[in-house]
């Protein structure tokens, strides 16, 4: 695997085998990330400066191996076309990610004019030919609009046009593993799987594998039909870009639960009636005034949360108010992800939000929760069993091993969000039920 200090990136196959990797580099302020590098086999082929950062970078190769990359100008320049010879502004509009392919005679570039229409721009000896605008198709579950552009615009053989929209292929579940922002070639997909770029066989014939053994955002995939190899690239919010070719595949470790072996509270945020199959020894019913209660109905704590998840002052004021109103009931304050970056609240018990963000690796997530649990002192985790928030991981199966490891060492328990009538929670994810039952059964 190769890593570079870089930003947006993409990979494409070369006509005689192998791959080209393009990525954005720069220094200092984000507006200076405006140079595109094309690299083959670890060797830089060219480096071109653009007027601003070309976002959503995509690339393709012609029959001679010449690379054309496209991107959306960060400062509103529209469509940027980047080559060894320079950076060119082809259109004044570029709504969402563009796409590019070699059609056998020229480059076709697809660019959205708005969230429901697109045009195809083809380079000819006589200039640019514009076809369209075309309406964005309506796929099952779609409404004829997209903010996310294309995931790919050609079939694996590169010989016929095939539009695949990011919205349509945003999420795919194979063998119980949910991949986001997927791209597919020749029976393999890659996508964000938890905090990494994961891959899978599209027929579900094997478990997921590591496409990149690194934190990943917007992973991209290409297939070299000459050598029957795939290449994947991705980048992180820390401005590191990664590139890897495979097979061989590196199997993902199977999740292992750590026995908790200590008495803790284990329950759910509940909307309406609780599910009959959930493991719990307590319950937090969502209402205007909320109390965590054990299964005998005894109050464990009064739950409070600020209306603004970054407002520690509000949370501290609510703590003092609750202590004044009910001095004999411990107060548990919801300590959100954003508030964790600001400071520690004064509430006696901290409810530590433990939702893994899409930009966090599993190691970074575990370290954050462990560190904040230590800072909190007396605390309970707010765990994630729902998938309606796009900033949180959709890979719910990766979380129980992390929770069980931390709970075996610290914290007074875990409250899982959520169960009951709220969509995308416990009742909609049966694939994780057995893991939480197994975890619960290790509590004495």
Protein backbone atom coordinates (compact mmCIF):
# COMPACT_ATOMS: atom_id res chain seq x y z
CA UNK A 1 0.00 0.00 0.00
CA UNK A 2 1.17 3.53 -0.83
CA UNK A 3 0.28 6.69 1.09
CA UNK A 4 0.73 10.33 0.13
CA UNK A 5 0.04 13.68 1.80
CA UNK A 6 -2.91 14.38 -0.48
CA UNK A 7 -6.63 15.03 -0.78
CA UNK A 8 -9.29 14.00 -3.37
CA UNK A 9 -8.12 11.04 -5.46
CA UNK A 10 -9.17 8.49 -8.08
CA UNK A 11 -7.72 5.50 -9.91
CA UNK A 12 -8.23 4.16 -13.44
CA UNK A 13 -6.90 1.23 -15.51
CA UNK A 14 -4.31 1.76 -18.25
CA UNK A 15 -4.86 0.27 -21.74
CA UNK A 16 -1.79 -2.00 -21.59
CA UNK A 17 -2.30 -3.02 -17.98
CA UNK A 18 -1.65 -1.38 -14.66
CA UNK A 19 -3.22 1.68 -13.11
CA UNK A 20 -2.93 5.44 -12.91
CA UNK A 21 -3.56 7.16 -9.58
CA UNK A 22 -4.42 10.87 -9.51
CA UNK A 23 -4.65 12.97 -6.38
CA UNK A 24 -4.70 16.58 -5.17
CA UNK A 25 -1.77 18.02 -3.21
CA UNK A 26 -1.02 21.38 -1.64
CA UNK A 27 0.21 23.09 1.49
CA UNK A 28 -1.21 25.24 4.25
CA UNK A 29 -4.66 26.74 3.74
CA UNK A 30 -7.18 24.43 1.97
CA UNK A 31 -7.43 26.89 -0.95
CA UNK A 32 -3.83 26.07 -1.81
CA UNK A 33 -4.65 22.39 -2.37
CA UNK A 34 -4.84 23.00 -6.10
CA UNK A 35 -2.25 20.76 -7.77
CA UNK A 36 -3.17 17.44 -9.37
CA UNK A 37 -0.55 14.68 -9.53
CA UNK A 38 -0.73 11.65 -11.82
CA UNK A 39 1.28 8.66 -10.61
CA UNK A 40 1.93 5.21 -12.18
CA UNK A 41 3.74 2.43 -10.32
CA UNK A 42 4.94 4.85 -7.65
CA UNK A 43 6.43 7.24 -10.24
CA UNK A 44 4.99 10.71 -10.82
CA UNK A 45 4.09 11.18 -14.51
CA UNK A 46 2.95 14.79 -14.32
CA UNK A 47 1.82 17.53 -11.93
CA UNK A 48 -0.59 20.30 -12.96
CA UNK A 49 -1.74 23.38 -11.07
CA UNK A 50 -5.41 24.41 -11.08
CA UNK A 51 -7.16 27.67 -10.22
CA UNK A 52 -8.62 26.08 -7.07
CA UNK A 53 -9.11 22.68 -5.47
CA UNK A 54 -10.70 20.24 -7.96
CA UNK A 55 -13.19 18.42 -5.76
CA UNK A 56 -14.66 14.96 -6.49
CA UNK A 57 -11.63 14.12 -8.66
CA UNK A 58 -12.29 11.47 -11.36
CA UNK A 59 -9.98 10.16 -14.11
CA UNK A 60 -9.81 7.98 -17.23
CA UNK A 61 -7.14 6.90 -19.75
CA UNK A 62 -7.20 6.87 -23.55
CA UNK A 63 -5.72 4.08 -25.72
CA UNK A 64 -2.24 5.65 -25.47
CA UNK A 65 -2.40 5.90 -21.68
CA UNK A 66 -2.92 9.67 -21.59
CA UNK A 67 -4.87 10.63 -18.48
CA UNK A 68 -7.70 13.13 -18.25
CA UNK A 69 -8.98 14.06 -14.79
CA UNK A 70 -12.07 16.10 -13.98
CA UNK A 71 -13.28 17.86 -10.87
CA UNK A 72 -15.59 20.52 -9.52
CA UNK A 73 -13.84 23.85 -8.94
CA UNK A 74 -14.06 24.61 -5.24
CA UNK A 75 -14.40 28.36 -5.81
CA UNK A 76 -17.29 28.09 -8.26
CA UNK A 77 -15.28 27.75 -11.48
CA UNK A 78 -17.54 24.92 -12.68
CA UNK A 79 -16.03 21.90 -14.45
CA UNK A 80 -12.22 21.64 -14.33
CA UNK A 81 -10.48 19.33 -16.83
CA UNK A 82 -6.93 18.49 -15.77
CA UNK A 83 -4.21 17.02 -17.99
CA UNK A 84 -0.45 17.00 -18.27
CA UNK A 85 -0.74 20.05 -20.53
CA UNK A 86 -2.74 22.14 -18.05
CA UNK A 87 -6.03 22.76 -16.28
CA UNK A 88 -9.02 23.91 -18.34
CA UNK A 89 -12.43 25.28 -17.45
CA UNK A 90 -14.92 23.56 -19.80
CA UNK A 91 -18.23 24.65 -18.26
CA UNK A 92 -19.32 27.36 -15.86
CA UNK A 93 -21.55 24.87 -14.01
CA UNK A 94 -20.79 21.66 -12.19
CA UNK A 95 -23.46 20.63 -9.72
CA UNK A 96 -22.05 17.74 -7.68
CA UNK A 97 -19.36 15.25 -8.72
CA UNK A 98 -18.62 15.00 -12.49
CA UNK A 99 -17.48 11.85 -14.29
CA UNK A 100 -15.23 10.96 -17.26
CA UNK A 101 -14.73 7.97 -19.56
CA UNK A 102 -12.91 7.12 -22.79
CA UNK A 103 -15.47 6.11 -25.44
CA UNK A 104 -12.97 4.57 -27.83
CA UNK A 105 -12.40 7.74 -29.81
CA UNK A 106 -12.66 10.64 -27.38
CA UNK A 107 -13.28 11.53 -23.76
CA UNK A 108 -16.90 11.86 -22.64
CA UNK A 109 -17.38 14.05 -19.59
CA UNK A 110 -20.64 14.03 -17.68
CA UNK A 111 -21.56 17.10 -15.68
CA UNK A 112 -24.72 18.06 -13.85
CA UNK A 113 -26.38 21.39 -14.65
CA UNK A 114 -28.56 21.13 -11.52
CA UNK A 115 -29.75 18.40 -9.20
CA UNK A 116 -32.11 16.88 -11.80
CA UNK A 117 -30.34 17.34 -15.17
CA UNK A 118 -26.96 16.62 -16.75
CA UNK A 119 -25.13 17.06 -20.05
CA UNK A 120 -22.50 14.96 -21.81
CA UNK A 121 -19.55 16.92 -23.17
CA UNK A 122 -17.45 15.16 -25.82
CA UNK A 123 -14.15 16.46 -27.12
CA UNK A 124 -13.95 16.31 -30.94
CA UNK A 125 -11.35 17.57 -33.47
CA UNK A 126 -13.71 20.48 -34.11
CA UNK A 127 -14.25 21.45 -30.47
CA UNK A 128 -16.57 20.43 -27.69
CA UNK A 129 -19.87 18.74 -28.45
CA UNK A 130 -22.64 19.15 -25.89
CA UNK A 131 -25.46 16.60 -25.67
CA UNK A 132 -28.44 17.21 -23.42
CA UNK A 133 -29.58 18.34 -20.99
CA UNK A 134 -30.93 14.96 -19.96
CA UNK A 135 -33.17 14.25 -17.01
CA UNK A 136 -31.67 12.23 -14.20
CA UNK A 137 -33.41 8.83 -14.24
CA UNK A 138 -35.66 7.67 -11.44
CA UNK A 139 -34.46 4.40 -9.91
CA UNK A 140 -36.25 2.39 -7.21
CA UNK A 141 -36.39 4.68 -4.20
CA UNK A 142 -35.16 7.67 -6.22
CA UNK A 143 -37.03 10.81 -7.17
CA UNK A 144 -35.19 11.94 -10.29
CA UNK A 145 -32.77 14.18 -8.40
CA UNK A 146 -29.30 13.72 -6.94
CA UNK A 147 -26.72 15.83 -5.11
CA UNK A 148 -24.13 13.07 -5.43
CA UNK A 149 -23.39 12.64 -9.14
CA UNK A 150 -22.06 9.39 -10.56
CA UNK A 151 -20.19 6.55 -8.94
CA UNK A 152 -19.07 5.31 -12.39
CA UNK A 153 -20.05 5.82 -16.02
CA UNK A 154 -18.74 2.79 -17.84
CA UNK A 155 -19.04 -0.96 -17.65
CA UNK A 156 -16.01 -3.04 -16.58
CA UNK A 157 -15.01 -3.71 -20.20
CA UNK A 158 -14.97 0.02 -20.96
CA UNK A 159 -16.79 -0.52 -24.23
CA UNK A 160 -20.30 0.66 -23.50
CA UNK A 161 -21.78 3.50 -21.56
CA UNK A 162 -23.36 2.63 -18.24
CA UNK A 163 -24.43 5.38 -15.87
CA UNK A 164 -24.36 4.41 -12.23
CA UNK A 165 -25.54 7.09 -9.85
CA UNK A 166 -24.07 7.48 -6.39
CA UNK A 167 -27.50 7.81 -4.79
CA UNK A 168 -28.68 4.52 -6.28
CA UNK A 169 -25.54 2.67 -5.17
CA UNK A 170 -24.88 4.71 -2.02
CA UNK A 171 -25.40 1.76 0.33
CA UNK A 172 -25.14 -1.98 -0.36
CA UNK A 173 -25.37 -4.82 2.14
CA UNK A 174 -23.54 -8.08 1.39
CA UNK A 175 -23.34 -10.93 3.89
CA UNK A 176 -24.59 -8.56 6.59
CA UNK A 177 -21.84 -5.99 5.93
CA UNK A 178 -23.05 -2.53 4.86
CA UNK A 179 -20.84 -0.62 2.41
CA UNK A 180 -21.36 3.08 1.66
CA UNK A 181 -20.39 5.10 -1.44
CA UNK A 182 -19.83 1.90 -3.40
CA UNK A 183 -18.11 1.32 -6.74
CA UNK A 184 -18.27 -2.05 -8.52
CA UNK A 185 -16.13 -3.74 -11.16
CA UNK A 186 -16.04 -7.36 -12.31
CA UNK A 187 -17.71 -8.91 -9.29
CA UNK A 188 -15.99 -6.80 -6.62
CA UNK A 189 -17.27 -3.73 -4.80
CA UNK A 190 -15.50 -1.36 -2.48
CA UNK A 191 -17.06 1.17 -0.15
CA UNK A 192 -16.75 2.68 3.27
CA UNK A 193 -17.08 -0.17 5.75
CA UNK A 194 -16.93 1.38 9.18
CA UNK A 195 -13.73 3.40 9.20
CA UNK A 196 -11.92 1.58 6.38
CA UNK A 197 -12.22 0.94 2.67
CA UNK A 198 -13.75 -2.51 2.62
CA UNK A 199 -14.29 -4.82 -0.32
CA UNK A 200 -16.64 -7.73 -0.99
CA UNK A 201 -17.59 -10.22 -3.69
CA UNK A 202 -20.88 -9.02 -5.12
CA UNK A 203 -22.31 -12.56 -5.13
CA UNK A 204 -21.81 -12.76 -1.35
CA UNK A 205 -19.56 -15.83 -1.71
CA UNK A 206 -17.09 -14.69 0.95
CA UNK A 207 -16.72 -12.33 3.87
CA UNK A 208 -15.56 -8.74 3.52
CA UNK A 209 -11.89 -7.98 3.01
CA UNK A 210 -9.65 -4.97 3.48
CA UNK A 211 -9.25 -3.05 0.24
CA UNK A 212 -7.16 -0.51 2.16
CA UNK A 213 -5.83 -1.20 5.63
CA UNK A 214 -6.29 2.47 6.52
CA UNK A 215 -8.98 4.99 7.43
CA UNK A 216 -11.00 5.82 4.34
CA UNK A 217 -13.39 8.33 2.81
CA UNK A 218 -14.95 8.02 -0.67
CA UNK A 219 -12.96 4.94 -1.73
CA UNK A 220 -12.57 4.44 -5.48
CA UNK A 221 -12.07 1.21 -7.43
CA UNK A 222 -10.65 0.25 -10.85
CA UNK A 223 -10.22 -3.09 -12.64
CA UNK A 224 -7.30 -4.10 -14.87
CA UNK A 225 -8.75 -6.81 -17.13
CA UNK A 226 -5.33 -7.60 -18.68
CA UNK A 227 -3.80 -8.67 -15.35
CA UNK A 228 -7.09 -9.50 -13.56
CA UNK A 229 -6.28 -7.11 -10.72
CA UNK A 230 -8.12 -4.38 -8.91
CA UNK A 231 -6.82 -1.14 -7.42
CA UNK A 232 -8.40 0.97 -4.70
CA UNK A 233 -7.64 4.45 -3.45
CA UNK A 234 -9.10 6.71 -0.78
CA UNK A 235 -8.31 9.69 1.42
CA UNK A 236 -8.91 10.86 4.97
CA UNK A 237 -9.82 14.15 6.66
CA UNK A 238 -6.17 14.30 7.81
CA UNK A 239 -5.18 14.83 4.13
CA UNK A 240 -3.64 11.42 3.63
CA UNK A 241 -4.40 9.52 0.43
CA UNK A 242 -3.90 5.76 0.15
CA UNK A 243 -3.51 3.41 -2.81
CA UNK A 244 -3.50 -0.38 -2.91
CA UNK A 245 -3.64 -3.12 -5.55
CA UNK A 246 -5.19 -6.55 -4.91
CA UNK A 247 -5.56 -9.55 -4.82
CA UNK A 248 -4.36 -11.04 -2.59
CA UNK A 249 -7.20 -10.10 -0.30
CA UNK A 250 -6.62 -9.39 3.35
CA UNK A 251 -9.51 -10.86 5.31
CA UNK A 252 -11.11 -8.63 7.87
CA UNK A 253 -10.77 -9.94 11.43
CA UNK A 254 -13.98 -11.46 12.71
CA UNK A 255 -15.52 -9.43 15.55
CA UNK A 256 -14.68 -10.75 19.01
CA UNK A 257 -16.62 -9.76 22.12
CA UNK A 258 -14.79 -9.18 25.37
CA UNK A 259 -16.62 -10.66 28.40
CA UNK A 260 -17.74 -7.77 30.59
CA UNK A 261 -17.69 -9.80 33.85
CA UNK A 262 -18.82 -6.89 35.99
CA UNK A 263 -22.26 -5.54 36.94
CA UNK A 264 -23.30 -2.65 34.68
CA UNK A 265 -26.51 -1.07 33.42
CA UNK A 266 -27.49 -2.27 29.96
CA UNK A 267 -30.54 -0.80 28.25
CA UNK A 268 -32.07 1.29 25.50
CA UNK A 269 -33.45 4.70 24.68
CA UNK A 270 -37.05 3.66 24.03
CA UNK A 271 -39.63 5.34 21.81
CA UNK A 272 -43.07 3.89 22.57
CA UNK A 273 -43.30 0.17 23.31
CA UNK A 274 -40.03 -1.74 23.73
CA UNK A 275 -39.19 -4.78 21.62
CA UNK A 276 -39.77 -8.12 23.26
CA UNK A 277 -36.43 -9.62 22.16
CA UNK A 278 -34.03 -7.00 23.45
CA UNK A 279 -31.48 -7.69 26.21
CA UNK A 280 -31.74 -5.14 29.03
CA UNK A 281 -31.72 -4.61 32.78
CA UNK A 282 -32.81 -0.95 32.53
CA UNK A 283 -34.75 1.40 30.28
CA UNK A 284 -34.67 5.08 29.32
CA UNK A 285 -38.09 6.06 28.01
CA UNK A 286 -37.90 9.09 25.72
CA UNK A 287 -40.29 11.77 27.02
CA UNK A 288 -40.31 15.40 28.17
CA UNK A 289 -38.70 14.40 31.50
CA UNK A 290 -36.56 11.30 31.27
CA UNK A 291 -35.38 8.84 33.92
CA UNK A 292 -33.21 5.79 33.56
CA UNK A 293 -34.96 3.03 35.51
CA UNK A 294 -33.94 -0.52 36.29
CA UNK A 295 -36.23 -3.42 35.46
CA UNK A 296 -37.92 -3.15 38.87
CA UNK A 297 -38.85 0.48 38.19
CA UNK A 298 -36.25 2.02 40.48
CA UNK A 299 -34.83 5.36 39.28
CA UNK A 300 -31.12 5.16 38.48
CA UNK A 301 -30.69 8.76 37.27
CA UNK A 302 -32.47 11.72 35.75
CA UNK A 303 -31.39 12.23 32.15
CA UNK A 304 -30.78 15.74 30.77
CA UNK A 305 -29.58 17.04 27.41
CA UNK A 306 -28.87 20.51 26.04
CA UNK A 307 -30.94 21.73 23.09
CA UNK A 308 -27.67 22.67 21.33
CA UNK A 309 -25.30 19.70 21.33
CA UNK A 310 -22.26 22.00 21.58
CA UNK A 311 -23.56 24.10 24.49
CA UNK A 312 -21.84 23.00 27.70
CA UNK A 313 -23.11 26.08 29.54
CA UNK A 314 -26.70 25.03 28.90
CA UNK A 315 -25.98 21.47 30.00
CA UNK A 316 -24.38 22.73 33.21
CA UNK A 317 -27.36 25.00 33.94
CA UNK A 318 -29.76 22.10 33.37
CA UNK A 319 -27.68 20.02 35.79
CA UNK A 320 -27.99 22.63 38.55
CA UNK A 321 -31.72 23.00 37.88
CA UNK A 322 -32.33 19.25 38.04
CA UNK A 323 -30.32 18.94 41.28
CA UNK A 324 -32.39 21.73 42.81
CA UNK A 325 -35.70 20.15 41.72
CA UNK A 326 -34.82 16.58 42.74
CA UNK A 327 -31.77 16.67 45.04
CA UNK A 328 -31.93 12.95 45.86
CA UNK A 329 -31.78 11.73 42.25
CA UNK A 330 -28.41 11.56 40.46
CA UNK A 331 -28.20 13.59 37.25
CA UNK A 332 -26.86 12.09 34.03
CA UNK A 333 -26.01 14.62 31.30
CA UNK A 334 -25.72 13.71 27.62
CA UNK A 335 -22.13 14.55 26.63
CA UNK A 336 -22.22 14.80 22.84
CA UNK A 337 -19.45 14.31 20.28
CA UNK A 338 -19.22 18.06 19.68
CA UNK A 339 -19.26 18.89 23.40
CA UNK A 340 -16.51 16.32 24.05
CA UNK A 341 -14.20 18.55 21.99
CA UNK A 342 -14.98 21.56 24.21
CA UNK A 343 -14.82 20.41 27.82
CA UNK A 344 -16.22 18.19 30.57
CA UNK A 345 -19.70 19.00 31.99
CA UNK A 346 -20.36 19.27 35.74
CA UNK A 347 -23.12 16.64 35.87
CA UNK A 348 -22.27 13.81 38.32
CA UNK A 349 -22.78 11.15 35.64
CA UNK A 350 -21.77 11.73 32.02
CA UNK A 351 -23.71 9.95 29.28
CA UNK A 352 -20.82 9.69 26.79
CA UNK A 353 -22.02 9.74 23.18
CA UNK A 354 -20.33 6.72 21.60
CA UNK A 355 -21.36 6.89 17.94
CA UNK A 356 -18.56 6.21 15.49
CA UNK A 357 -18.23 8.97 12.89
CA UNK A 358 -17.72 8.04 9.26
CA UNK A 359 -14.33 9.79 9.24
CA UNK A 360 -13.05 7.90 12.30
CA UNK A 361 -11.15 4.65 12.09
CA UNK A 362 -12.15 2.01 14.61
CA UNK A 363 -8.92 2.57 16.51
CA UNK A 364 -9.46 6.34 16.66
CA UNK A 365 -13.07 5.83 17.74
CA UNK A 366 -12.12 3.42 20.52
CA UNK A 367 -9.38 5.74 21.74
CA UNK A 368 -11.76 8.72 21.79
CA UNK A 369 -14.42 6.89 23.81
CA UNK A 370 -11.88 5.41 26.20
CA UNK A 371 -10.17 8.77 26.76
CA UNK A 372 -13.42 10.64 27.35
CA UNK A 373 -14.68 7.93 29.68
CA UNK A 374 -11.57 8.46 31.80
CA UNK A 375 -12.12 12.24 31.77
CA UNK A 376 -15.77 11.78 32.68
CA UNK A 377 -15.17 9.79 35.84
CA UNK A 378 -18.57 8.26 36.52
CA UNK A 379 -20.16 7.63 33.15
CA UNK A 380 -22.46 5.54 30.98
CA UNK A 381 -22.01 5.08 27.24
CA UNK A 382 -24.69 6.13 24.76
CA UNK A 383 -24.26 3.37 22.17
CA UNK A 384 -25.40 3.24 18.55
CA UNK A 385 -27.84 0.72 17.08
CA UNK A 386 -29.43 3.04 14.49
CA UNK A 387 -28.46 4.17 10.99
CA UNK A 388 -30.47 7.30 10.17
CA UNK A 389 -27.61 9.76 10.76
CA UNK A 390 -25.30 9.91 7.72
CA UNK A 391 -22.40 11.27 9.77
CA UNK A 392 -22.33 8.04 11.82
CA UNK A 393 -21.13 4.63 10.69
CA UNK A 394 -23.65 2.27 9.12
CA UNK A 395 -21.47 -0.71 10.06
CA UNK A 396 -23.29 -1.56 13.29
CA UNK A 397 -21.65 -4.99 13.56
CA UNK A 398 -18.26 -3.37 14.20
CA UNK A 399 -19.41 -1.58 17.38
CA UNK A 400 -20.23 -4.35 19.94
CA UNK A 401 -16.60 -5.59 20.12
CA UNK A 402 -15.45 -2.03 20.88
CA UNK A 403 -18.20 -1.43 23.43
CA UNK A 404 -17.60 -4.73 25.21
CA UNK A 405 -13.85 -4.10 25.46
CA UNK A 406 -14.38 -0.67 27.06
CA UNK A 407 -17.24 -1.83 29.30
CA UNK A 408 -15.11 -4.67 30.64
CA UNK A 409 -12.70 -2.04 32.02
CA UNK A 410 -14.73 1.09 32.86
CA UNK A 411 -18.09 2.88 32.71
CA UNK A 412 -21.25 2.19 34.61
CA UNK A 413 -23.09 0.79 31.63
CA UNK A 414 -24.45 1.47 28.17
CA UNK A 415 -27.75 2.85 26.84
CA UNK A 416 -28.29 1.95 23.20
CA UNK A 417 -30.02 4.37 20.84
CA UNK A 418 -32.68 3.28 20.07
CA UNK A 419 -35.60 0.86 20.34
CA UNK A 420 -39.33 1.18 19.74
CA UNK A 421 -41.16 3.19 17.10
CA UNK A 422 -38.23 5.31 15.85
CA UNK A 423 -37.09 4.02 12.41
CA UNK A 424 -33.67 2.45 11.67
CA UNK A 425 -33.09 1.33 15.27
CA UNK A 426 -32.87 -2.03 17.04
CA UNK A 427 -36.05 -3.38 15.47
CA UNK A 428 -34.69 -2.75 11.93
CA UNK A 429 -31.29 -4.38 12.46
CA UNK A 430 -31.73 -8.04 13.40
CA UNK A 431 -28.18 -8.75 12.18
CA UNK A 432 -26.77 -7.27 15.42
CA UNK A 433 -29.21 -8.83 17.91
CA UNK A 434 -27.21 -11.96 18.70
CA UNK A 435 -24.03 -9.98 19.37
CA UNK A 436 -25.77 -7.80 21.97
CA UNK A 437 -27.47 -10.81 23.57
CA UNK A 438 -24.05 -12.46 23.83
CA UNK A 439 -22.60 -9.29 25.35
CA UNK A 440 -25.46 -8.97 27.83
CA UNK A 441 -25.02 -12.60 28.91
CA UNK A 442 -21.48 -11.81 30.16
CA UNK A 443 -22.87 -9.37 32.77
CA UNK A 444 -23.14 -11.11 36.19
